Amino acid sequence: MDFNLSNDSFQYDPGTDPTSISAFPPCSQLKTPEQIRRFELLRLGFFALKLRKLECRRERADRQDYEYEFRCNLLRHAIFQQVLALTALDAREQAMRLINACRKKGRNDC
């Protein structure tokens, strides 16, 4: 599903139906708290790097783009939710170190 900010509409593509978690083999499910924590840290890293990539593109383009702002806000919200999840898993410090590492790397790469 894609959101078009210019006309505030969603476009649904039936070929991109989300895969339900039940479609994965049962042996690939996360069972221990450490597995869950590592997976959530991986997701956080993905979101943080994706946000850094968008911000670097923005610096090069130097223009006002509402879709860009929308995507960045979604990623910031996802990062916030990941930090909350990792706080509940007692991994807040690791999450903050990961975010800071992505920010530092981003300043040097843009």
C-alpha atoms as a PDB file:
ATOM      1  CA  MET A   1       0.000   0.000   0.000  1.00  0.00           C
ATOM      2  CA  ASP A   2       1.445   3.378  -1.003  1.00  0.00           C
ATOM      3  CA  PHE A   3       0.438   6.768   0.347  1.00  0.00           C
ATOM      4  CA  ASN A   4       0.417   9.702  -2.023  1.00  0.00           C
ATOM      5  CA  LEU A   5       0.707  12.902  -0.031  1.00  0.00           C
ATOM      6  CA  SER A   6      -0.168  15.213  -2.911  1.00  0.00           C
ATOM      7  CA  ASN A   7      -3.757  13.981  -3.037  1.00  0.00           C
ATOM      8  CA  ASP A   8      -3.965  12.271   0.402  1.00  0.00           C
ATOM      9  CA  SER A   9      -4.813   8.867  -1.020  1.00  0.00           C
ATOM     10  CA  PHE A  10      -3.702   5.296  -0.539  1.00  0.00           C
ATOM     11  CA  GLN A  11      -3.022   3.064  -3.516  1.00  0.00           C
ATOM     12  CA  TYR A  12      -3.487  -0.649  -2.895  1.00  0.00           C
ATOM     13  CA  ASP A  13      -1.583  -3.192  -4.938  1.00  0.00           C
ATOM     14  CA  PRO A  14      -2.985  -6.713  -4.368  1.00  0.00           C
ATOM     15  CA  GLY A  15       0.311  -8.215  -5.521  1.00  0.00           C
ATOM     16  CA  THR A  16       1.998  -6.826  -2.417  1.00  0.00           C
ATOM     17  CA  ASP A  17      -0.160  -8.425   0.269  1.00  0.00           C
ATOM     18  CA  PRO A  18       1.774  -8.643   3.524  1.00  0.00           C
ATOM     19  CA  THR A  19       2.993 -12.080   4.500  1.00  0.00           C
ATOM     20  CA  SER A  20       1.499 -13.254   7.743  1.00  0.00           C
ATOM     21  CA  ILE A  21       3.838 -14.564  10.397  1.00  0.00           C
ATOM     22  CA  SER A  22       2.052 -17.925  10.267  1.00  0.00           C
ATOM     23  CA  ALA A  23       3.427 -18.426   6.729  1.00  0.00           C
ATOM     24  CA  PHE A  24       6.946 -18.846   8.123  1.00  0.00           C
ATOM     25  CA  PRO A  25       8.112 -22.285   9.244  1.00  0.00           C
ATOM     26  CA  PRO A  26       7.616 -22.836  12.974  1.00  0.00           C
ATOM     27  CA  CYS A  27      11.306 -23.599  13.480  1.00  0.00           C
ATOM     28  CA  SER A  28      12.263 -20.055  12.410  1.00  0.00           C
ATOM     29  CA  GLN A  29      10.381 -18.301  15.205  1.00  0.00           C
ATOM     30  CA  LEU A  30      12.271 -16.362  17.838  1.00  0.00           C
ATOM     31  CA  LYS A  31      12.104 -18.179  21.157  1.00  0.00           C
ATOM     32  CA  THR A  32      14.579 -16.716  23.623  1.00  0.00           C
ATOM     33  CA  PRO A  33      14.666 -13.135  24.908  1.00  0.00           C
ATOM     34  CA  GLU A  34      18.184 -12.772  23.477  1.00  0.00           C
ATOM     35  CA  GLN A  35      16.952 -13.764  19.979  1.00  0.00           C
ATOM     36  CA  ILE A  36      14.094 -11.285  20.226  1.00  0.00           C
ATOM     37  CA  ARG A  37      16.422  -8.527  21.473  1.00  0.00           C
ATOM     38  CA  ARG A  38      18.879  -9.118  18.617  1.00  0.00           C
ATOM     39  CA  PHE A  39      16.092  -9.121  16.035  1.00  0.00           C
ATOM     40  CA  GLU A  40      14.658  -5.858  17.389  1.00  0.00           C
ATOM     41  CA  LEU A  41      18.147  -4.291  17.336  1.00  0.00           C
ATOM     42  CA  LEU A  42      18.507  -5.405  13.723  1.00  0.00           C
ATOM     43  CA  ARG A  43      15.195  -3.754  12.846  1.00  0.00           C
ATOM     44  CA  LEU A  44      16.257  -0.574  14.639  1.00  0.00           C
ATOM     45  CA  GLY A  45      19.508  -0.531  12.687  1.00  0.00           C
ATOM     46  CA  PHE A  46      17.616  -0.916   9.419  1.00  0.00           C
ATOM     47  CA  PHE A  47      15.283   1.986  10.214  1.00  0.00           C
ATOM     48  CA  ALA A  48      18.132   4.227  11.420  1.00  0.00           C
ATOM     49  CA  LEU A  49      20.228   3.560   8.314  1.00  0.00           C
ATOM     50  CA  LYS A  50      17.239   4.116   6.030  1.00  0.00           C
ATOM     51  CA  LEU A  51      16.565   7.467   7.719  1.00  0.00           C
ATOM     52  CA  ARG A  52      20.228   8.439   7.341  1.00  0.00           C
ATOM     53  CA  LYS A  53      20.074   7.570   3.638  1.00  0.00           C
ATOM     54  CA  LEU A  54      16.982   9.748   3.146  1.00  0.00           C
ATOM     55  CA  GLU A  55      18.555  12.632   5.051  1.00  0.00           C
ATOM     56  CA  CYS A  56      21.718  12.427   2.917  1.00  0.00           C
ATOM     57  CA  ARG A  57      19.643  12.556  -0.254  1.00  0.00           C
ATOM     58  CA  ARG A  58      17.795  15.545   1.143  1.00  0.00           C
ATOM     59  CA  GLU A  59      21.032  17.449   1.777  1.00  0.00           C
ATOM     60  CA  ARG A  60      22.112  16.880  -1.819  1.00  0.00           C
ATOM     61  CA  ALA A  61      18.725  17.820  -3.309  1.00  0.00           C
ATOM     62  CA  ASP A  62      18.158  20.858  -1.060  1.00  0.00           C
ATOM     63  CA  ARG A  63      14.459  21.259  -1.801  1.00  0.00           C
ATOM     64  CA  GLN A  64      11.108  21.117   0.002  1.00  0.00           C
ATOM     65  CA  ASP A  65       9.408  17.796  -0.564  1.00  0.00           C
ATOM     66  CA  TYR A  66       6.311  16.743   1.378  1.00  0.00           C
ATOM     67  CA  GLU A  67       6.704  13.054   0.498  1.00  0.00           C
ATOM     68  CA  TYR A  68      10.255  13.157   1.842  1.00  0.00           C
ATOM     69  CA  GLU A  69       9.004  14.702   5.098  1.00  0.00           C
ATOM     70  CA  PHE A  70       6.263  12.081   5.333  1.00  0.00           C
ATOM     71  CA  ARG A  71       8.742   9.213   4.881  1.00  0.00           C
ATOM     72  CA  CYS A  72      11.183  10.678   7.397  1.00  0.00           C
ATOM     73  CA  ASN A  73       8.403  11.105   9.948  1.00  0.00           C
ATOM     74  CA  LEU A  74       7.325   7.490   9.461  1.00  0.00           C
ATOM     75  CA  LEU A  75      10.897   6.300   9.981  1.00  0.00           C
ATOM     76  CA  ARG A  76      11.314   8.472  13.083  1.00  0.00           C
ATOM     77  CA  HIS A  77       8.110   6.994  14.481  1.00  0.00           C
ATOM     78  CA  ALA A  78       9.334   3.453  13.713  1.00  0.00           C
ATOM     79  CA  ILE A  79      12.651   4.215  15.428  1.00  0.00           C
ATOM     80  CA  PHE A  80      10.806   5.554  18.474  1.00  0.00           C
ATOM     81  CA  GLN A  81       8.657   2.411  18.632  1.00  0.00           C
ATOM     82  CA  GLN A  82      11.768   0.230  18.356  1.00  0.00           C
ATOM     83  CA  VAL A  83      13.394   2.103  21.243  1.00  0.00           C
ATOM     84  CA  LEU A  84      10.262   1.507  23.331  1.00  0.00           C
ATOM     85  CA  ALA A  85      10.294  -2.202  22.456  1.00  0.00           C
ATOM     86  CA  LEU A  86      13.994  -2.470  23.244  1.00  0.00           C
ATOM     87  CA  THR A  87      13.515  -0.626  26.538  1.00  0.00           C
ATOM     88  CA  ALA A  88      10.976  -3.285  27.507  1.00  0.00           C
ATOM     89  CA  LEU A  89      13.582  -5.919  26.548  1.00  0.00           C
ATOM     90  CA  ASP A  90      16.186  -4.164  28.739  1.00  0.00           C
ATOM     91  CA  ALA A  91      18.279  -3.095  25.742  1.00  0.00           C
ATOM     92  CA  ARG A  92      17.749   0.669  25.718  1.00  0.00           C
ATOM     93  CA  GLU A  93      21.459   1.431  26.087  1.00  0.00           C
ATOM     94  CA  GLN A  94      22.298  -0.767  23.092  1.00  0.00           C
ATOM     95  CA  ALA A  95      19.552   0.943  21.089  1.00  0.00           C
ATOM     96  CA  MET A  96      20.884   4.412  21.859  1.00  0.00           C
ATOM     97  CA  ARG A  97      24.455   3.383  20.974  1.00  0.00           C
ATOM     98  CA  LEU A  98      23.205   2.003  17.653  1.00  0.00           C
ATOM     99  CA  ILE A  99      21.323   5.216  16.847  1.00  0.00           C
ATOM    100  CA  ASN A 100      24.344   7.359  17.760  1.00  0.00           C
ATOM    101  CA  ALA A 101      26.630   5.208  15.611  1.00  0.00           C
ATOM    102  CA  CYS A 102      24.290   5.636  12.627  1.00  0.00           C
ATOM    103  CA  ARG A 103      24.185   9.413  13.153  1.00  0.00           C
ATOM    104  CA  LYS A 104      27.977   9.729  13.371  1.00  0.00           C
ATOM    105  CA  LYS A 105      28.492   7.584  10.299  1.00  0.00           C
ATOM    106  CA  GLY A 106      25.847   9.604   8.444  1.00  0.00           C
ATOM    107  CA  ARG A 107      27.601  12.915   9.048  1.00  0.00           C
ATOM    108  CA  ASN A 108      30.784  11.585   7.482  1.00  0.00           C
ATOM    109  CA  ASP A 109      29.158   9.900   4.464  1.00  0.00           C
ATOM    110  CA  CYS A 110      26.851  12.626   3.109  1.00  0.00           C
END
